[in-house]
N, C-alpha and C. Protein backbone atom coordinates (compact mmCIF):
# COMPACT_ATOMS: atom_id res chain seq x y z
N UNK A 1 1.11 5.10 -3.60
CA UNK A 1 0.05 4.29 -2.33
C UNK A 1 0.61 2.91 -2.14
N UNK A 2 0.33 2.27 -1.25
CA UNK A 2 -0.26 0.76 -0.93
C UNK A 2 -1.09 0.84 -1.46
N UNK A 3 -1.53 -0.60 -1.00
CA UNK A 3 -2.87 -1.03 -0.41
C UNK A 3 -2.94 -0.97 1.37
N UNK A 4 -4.20 -0.66 1.52
CA UNK A 4 -4.59 -0.33 2.93
C UNK A 4 -3.96 -1.87 3.98
N UNK A 5 -3.81 -1.76 4.69
CA UNK A 5 -3.43 -3.14 5.68
C UNK A 5 -4.22 -3.17 7.10
N UNK A 6 -5.16 -4.37 7.14
CA UNK A 6 -5.46 -4.04 8.21
C UNK A 6 -5.49 -5.41 9.39
N UNK A 7 -5.75 -5.46 10.40
CA UNK A 7 -5.60 -6.90 10.70
C UNK A 7 -7.30 -7.06 11.75
N UNK A 8 -8.14 -7.92 11.50
CA UNK A 8 -8.59 -8.12 12.36
C UNK A 8 -8.93 -9.46 12.88
N UNK A 9 -9.21 -9.94 14.14
CA UNK A 9 -9.01 -11.30 14.83
C UNK A 9 -10.21 -12.36 14.49
N UNK A 10 -9.83 -13.49 14.40
CA UNK A 10 -10.91 -14.37 13.22
C UNK A 10 -10.20 -15.86 13.95
N UNK A 11 -10.82 -16.97 14.51
CA UNK A 11 -12.24 -16.12 14.94
C UNK A 11 -12.73 -15.81 16.11
N UNK A 12 -13.57 -15.49 16.21
CA UNK A 12 -13.95 -14.24 17.53
C UNK A 12 -14.89 -14.81 18.37
N UNK A 13 -15.55 -15.10 19.86
CA UNK A 13 -16.53 -15.27 20.11
C UNK A 13 -17.76 -13.97 20.54
N UNK A 14 -18.70 -14.56 20.12
CA UNK A 14 -20.16 -14.14 20.18
C UNK A 14 -19.83 -13.12 21.71
N UNK A 15 -20.32 -11.63 21.44
CA UNK A 15 -20.26 -10.56 22.73
C UNK A 15 -18.68 -10.05 23.14
N UNK A 16 -17.49 -10.79 22.13
CA UNK A 16 -16.20 -10.43 22.72
C UNK A 16 -16.28 -9.03 21.95
N UNK A 17 -14.92 -8.53 22.46
CA UNK A 17 -14.38 -7.18 22.25
C UNK A 17 -13.48 -7.36 21.56
N UNK A 18 -12.88 -7.44 20.88
CA UNK A 18 -11.93 -7.14 19.65
C UNK A 18 -11.33 -6.35 19.10
N UNK A 19 -10.04 -6.39 18.79
CA UNK A 19 -9.29 -5.09 18.13
C UNK A 19 -8.95 -5.30 16.72
N UNK A 20 -9.30 -3.66 16.66
CA UNK A 20 -9.09 -4.06 14.99
C UNK A 20 -8.22 -3.01 14.88
N UNK A 21 -7.00 -3.54 13.60
CA UNK A 21 -5.50 -2.23 13.99
C UNK A 21 -6.11 -2.35 11.74
N UNK A 22 -5.47 -0.78 11.32
CA UNK A 22 -5.56 -0.61 10.24
C UNK A 22 -3.91 0.13 10.18
N UNK A 23 -3.84 0.04 8.75
CA UNK A 23 -2.40 1.08 8.41
C UNK A 23 -2.56 1.49 6.83
N UNK A 24 -2.40 2.74 6.88
CA UNK A 24 -2.24 2.92 5.00
C UNK A 24 -1.52 3.90 5.03
N UNK A 25 -0.81 3.83 4.04
CA UNK A 25 0.53 4.39 3.77
C UNK A 25 -0.37 5.47 3.01
N UNK A 26 0.31 7.28 3.21
CA UNK A 26 -0.30 8.33 2.58
C UNK A 26 0.66 8.92 3.45
N UNK A 27 0.98 10.53 2.41
CA UNK A 27 2.15 11.39 2.82
C UNK A 27 1.38 12.25 3.72
N UNK A 28 -0.19 12.33 3.46
CA UNK A 28 -0.59 13.54 4.70
C UNK A 28 -0.21 14.82 4.79
N UNK A 29 0.45 15.40 3.41
CA UNK A 29 0.80 16.79 3.68
C UNK A 29 -0.23 17.81 4.16
N UNK A 30 0.28 18.35 5.17
CA UNK A 30 -0.50 19.60 5.68
C UNK A 30 -0.99 20.49 4.88
N UNK A 31 -0.31 20.94 3.91
CA UNK A 31 -0.75 22.24 3.40
C UNK A 31 -0.15 23.84 3.88
N UNK A 32 0.58 23.32 5.12
CA UNK A 32 1.82 24.81 5.53
C UNK A 32 3.21 24.44 5.51
N UNK A 33 3.62 23.47 4.85
CA UNK A 33 5.03 23.30 4.19
C UNK A 33 5.60 24.08 2.50
N UNK A 34 6.30 24.16 2.24
CA UNK A 34 6.84 25.00 1.42
C UNK A 34 8.28 24.40 0.53
N UNK A 35 7.87 24.26 -0.75
CA UNK A 35 8.92 23.61 -1.48
C UNK A 35 10.32 24.34 -1.89
N UNK A 36 11.06 24.02 -2.71
CA UNK A 36 12.05 24.69 -2.67
C UNK A 36 12.49 26.05 -3.15
N UNK A 37 10.43 26.42 -4.17
CA UNK A 37 10.56 27.44 -4.73
C UNK A 37 9.97 28.45 -3.47
N UNK A 38 9.49 28.21 -2.63
CA UNK A 38 9.19 28.74 -1.94
C UNK A 38 7.74 28.93 -1.56
N UNK A 39 7.13 28.16 -2.51
CA UNK A 39 5.77 28.23 -2.80
C UNK A 39 4.96 26.82 -1.65
N UNK A 40 3.42 27.38 -1.15
CA UNK A 40 3.04 26.29 -0.45
C UNK A 40 3.02 25.24 -1.09
N UNK A 41 2.80 23.69 -0.41
CA UNK A 41 3.06 22.46 -1.03
C UNK A 41 1.19 22.11 -0.64
N UNK A 42 0.21 21.85 -1.69
CA UNK A 42 -1.26 21.62 -0.83
C UNK A 42 -1.25 20.93 -0.48
N UNK A 43 -2.20 21.33 0.29
CA UNK A 43 -2.70 20.24 1.48
C UNK A 43 -3.44 18.83 0.71
N UNK A 44 -2.95 17.43 0.99
CA UNK A 44 -2.85 16.42 0.77
C UNK A 44 -3.38 15.22 1.93
N UNK A 45 -4.74 15.24 2.68
CA UNK A 45 -4.57 14.60 4.12
C UNK A 45 -5.88 13.62 3.62
N UNK A 46 -5.62 12.21 4.49
CA UNK A 46 -6.98 11.67 4.60
C UNK A 46 -7.98 11.99 5.66
N UNK A 47 -8.90 12.69 5.13
CA UNK A 47 -10.14 13.43 6.38
C UNK A 47 -10.80 12.38 6.74
N UNK A 48 -11.38 11.60 6.23
CA UNK A 48 -12.40 10.79 7.10
C UNK A 48 -11.95 9.07 6.84
N UNK A 49 -12.24 8.62 7.89
CA UNK A 49 -12.03 7.25 7.90
C UNK A 49 -13.25 6.52 8.65
N UNK A 50 -13.47 5.41 7.66
CA UNK A 50 -14.92 4.71 8.32
C UNK A 50 -15.01 3.06 8.26
N UNK A 51 -15.38 2.46 9.27
CA UNK A 51 -15.36 1.19 9.19
C UNK A 51 -16.83 0.72 9.37
N UNK A 52 -17.28 -0.21 8.26
CA UNK A 52 -18.65 -0.96 8.40
C UNK A 52 -18.28 -2.32 8.85
N UNK A 53 -19.27 -2.98 9.55
CA UNK A 53 -19.39 -4.30 9.95
C UNK A 53 -20.71 -4.89 9.28
N UNK A 54 -20.90 -5.46 8.65
CA UNK A 54 -21.90 -5.57 7.95
C UNK A 54 -22.91 -4.99 7.41
N UNK A 55 -22.56 -3.89 6.93
CA UNK A 55 -23.05 -2.71 6.42
C UNK A 55 -23.34 -1.43 7.53
N UNK A 56 -23.13 -1.64 8.45
CA UNK A 56 -23.96 -0.63 9.91
C UNK A 56 -21.96 -0.06 10.07
N UNK A 57 -22.36 1.07 10.39
CA UNK A 57 -20.98 1.93 10.93
C UNK A 57 -20.47 1.92 12.11
N UNK A 58 -19.83 1.23 12.65
CA UNK A 58 -19.06 0.56 13.54
C UNK A 58 -17.80 1.83 14.24
N UNK A 59 -17.49 2.33 13.25
CA UNK A 59 -16.41 3.25 13.74
C UNK A 59 -16.14 4.24 12.45
N UNK A 60 -16.13 5.37 13.22
CA UNK A 60 -15.64 7.07 12.29
C UNK A 60 -15.04 7.97 12.55
N UNK A 61 -14.16 8.16 11.60
CA UNK A 61 -12.95 9.41 12.05
C UNK A 61 -12.97 10.11 11.36
N UNK A 62 -12.95 11.83 11.80
CA UNK A 62 -12.61 12.67 11.04
C UNK A 62 -11.37 12.82 11.41
N UNK A 63 -10.30 13.37 10.00
CA UNK A 63 -8.93 13.66 10.54
C UNK A 63 -8.79 14.92 10.17
N UNK A 64 -7.44 15.57 10.76
CA UNK A 64 -6.76 16.84 10.56
C UNK A 64 -5.62 16.64 10.06
N UNK A 65 -4.92 18.09 9.73
CA UNK A 65 -3.62 17.87 9.48
C UNK A 65 -2.95 17.22 10.40
N UNK A 66 -2.80 17.22 11.36
CA UNK A 66 -1.52 17.19 12.54
C UNK A 66 -1.99 15.34 12.72
N UNK A 67 -2.53 14.47 11.85
CA UNK A 67 -2.25 13.05 11.53
C UNK A 67 -0.65 12.90 10.77
N UNK A 68 -0.44 11.99 11.40
CA UNK A 68 0.90 11.84 10.96
C UNK A 68 1.13 11.03 9.57
N UNK A 69 2.04 11.23 8.90
CA UNK A 69 1.76 10.29 7.70
C UNK A 69 2.08 8.76 7.67
N UNK A 70 1.26 7.72 6.91
CA UNK A 70 1.02 6.78 7.38
C UNK A 70 0.65 6.46 8.16
N UNK A 71 -0.57 6.81 8.45
CA UNK A 71 -1.93 7.05 9.92
C UNK A 71 -1.53 5.41 10.47
N UNK A 72 -1.59 5.07 11.58
CA UNK A 72 -2.16 3.68 12.07
C UNK A 72 -3.15 4.01 12.93
N UNK A 73 -4.08 3.03 12.88
CA UNK A 73 -5.42 2.96 14.10
C UNK A 73 -5.43 2.43 14.00
N UNK A 74 -6.01 2.15 15.72
CA UNK A 74 -6.60 0.57 16.56
C UNK A 74 -7.97 1.01 17.11
N UNK A 75 -8.56 0.06 16.54
CA UNK A 75 -10.24 0.59 17.68
C UNK A 75 -11.06 -0.76 17.81
N UNK A 76 -11.64 -0.56 18.92
CA UNK A 76 -12.35 -1.65 19.37
C UNK A 76 -13.86 -1.95 18.74
N UNK A 77 -14.47 -2.85 18.96
CA UNK A 77 -15.36 -2.96 18.68
C UNK A 77 -16.26 -4.36 18.90
N UNK A 78 -17.57 -5.11 19.31
CA UNK A 78 -17.93 -5.99 19.48
C UNK A 78 -18.29 -6.99 18.80
N UNK A 79 -17.92 -8.40 18.41
CA UNK A 79 -18.03 -9.40 17.65
C UNK A 79 -19.45 -9.38 17.60
N UNK A 80 -20.15 -9.29 16.58
CA UNK A 80 -21.55 -10.05 17.22
C UNK A 80 -22.42 -10.77 16.24
N UNK A 81 -21.60 -10.91 14.78
CA UNK A 81 -22.01 -12.17 13.77
C UNK A 81 -20.69 -11.95 12.94
N UNK A 82 -21.26 -13.54 12.03
CA UNK A 82 -20.00 -13.83 11.39
C UNK A 82 -20.29 -12.67 9.99
N UNK A 83 -19.11 -12.39 9.33
CA UNK A 83 -19.54 -11.09 7.92
C UNK A 83 -18.25 -10.35 7.43
N UNK A 84 -18.74 -9.26 7.25
CA UNK A 84 -17.45 -8.37 6.78
C UNK A 84 -17.12 -7.10 6.39
N UNK A 85 -16.15 -6.91 7.19
CA UNK A 85 -16.21 -5.62 7.59
C UNK A 85 -15.50 -4.86 6.84
N UNK A 86 -15.77 -3.77 6.62
CA UNK A 86 -15.51 -2.49 5.35
C UNK A 86 -14.53 -1.58 5.78
N UNK A 87 -13.17 -0.98 5.29
CA UNK A 87 -12.63 0.00 5.71
C UNK A 87 -11.99 0.78 4.67
N UNK A 88 -12.59 2.31 4.76
CA UNK A 88 -12.57 3.42 3.82
C UNK A 88 -12.11 4.36 4.32
N UNK A 89 -10.80 4.68 3.90
CA UNK A 89 -10.41 6.28 3.86
C UNK A 89 -10.34 7.11 2.54
N UNK A 90 -11.07 8.62 2.64
CA UNK A 90 -11.11 8.74 1.54
C UNK A 90 -10.20 10.35 2.03
N UNK A 91 -9.84 11.18 1.12
CA UNK A 91 -8.37 11.94 1.21
C UNK A 91 -9.06 13.21 0.42
N UNK A 92 -8.10 14.27 0.13
CA UNK A 92 -8.53 15.78 -0.17
C UNK A 92 -8.84 15.86 -1.09
N UNK A 93 -8.36 14.86 -2.48
CA UNK A 93 -8.56 14.61 -3.61
C UNK A 93 -9.62 13.48 -4.10
N UNK A 94 -10.51 13.01 -3.37
CA UNK A 94 -11.66 12.81 -3.17
C UNK A 94 -11.08 10.80 -3.70
N UNK A 95 -9.71 10.56 -3.45
CA UNK A 95 -9.54 9.41 -3.60
C UNK A 95 -10.14 8.63 -2.62
N UNK A 96 -10.44 7.80 -2.87
CA UNK A 96 -10.86 6.15 -1.57
C UNK A 96 -10.14 5.44 -2.03
N UNK A 97 -9.45 5.13 -0.82
CA UNK A 97 -8.57 3.80 -0.24
C UNK A 97 -9.83 2.84 0.44
N UNK A 98 -9.58 1.86 -0.04
CA UNK A 98 -10.87 0.72 1.15
C UNK A 98 -10.25 -0.66 0.69
N UNK A 99 -10.51 -1.31 1.96
CA UNK A 99 -10.43 -2.59 1.91
C UNK A 99 -11.44 -3.30 2.16
N UNK A 100 -11.60 -5.26 2.46
CA UNK A 100 -12.48 -5.80 3.68
C UNK A 100 -11.82 -6.68 4.22
N UNK A 101 -12.46 -7.18 4.88
CA UNK A 101 -11.66 -8.72 5.90
C UNK A 101 -13.01 -8.71 6.40
N UNK A 102 -13.00 -10.50 6.68
CA UNK A 102 -13.78 -11.25 6.84
C UNK A 102 -14.04 -11.56 8.58
N UNK A 103 -14.99 -11.81 9.41
CA UNK A 103 -14.32 -12.14 10.77
C UNK A 103 -15.51 -13.41 11.03
N UNK A 104 -15.35 -14.08 11.27
CA UNK A 104 -15.90 -15.34 11.81
C UNK A 104 -16.09 -15.06 13.28
N UNK A 105 -17.52 -15.52 13.82
CA UNK A 105 -18.00 -15.24 14.77
C UNK A 105 -18.26 -16.33 15.69
N UNK A 106 -18.14 -17.28 16.85
CA UNK A 106 -18.88 -18.68 17.17
C UNK A 106 -19.47 -18.61 18.25
C-alpha cells in the first residue's frame, strides 16, 4: 500500500465551504472473485472512512464491496478555525491507514 494522499486548501476564510480530496491505494477485493484454482479470494475492503477537524468528526463514510480499488473521495466542510484534519481508513483486516493535514483559517 502507498501512503494516503489528501488535498486540503490553505489558507481558507472563516465560514468558507472548502473541498477536501482524498486518495488511498488499496486493492478493495470484493470476496466474489476466484483465484486460478477456483478458490474464493477473501474479501479485503476499506469499510470505514472518517475525517476529524480538531477532534470533531466532520465526515464519515461506510463503504461496501462495490467501491473501486484505490478509492478517491471528495467532500466539503466549513472552515471554522485553524487546526488539524485527521483522515482515517479502516479495512477488513483491522489495518488503519491515517494521515493528517493542517489548515490555516484567516
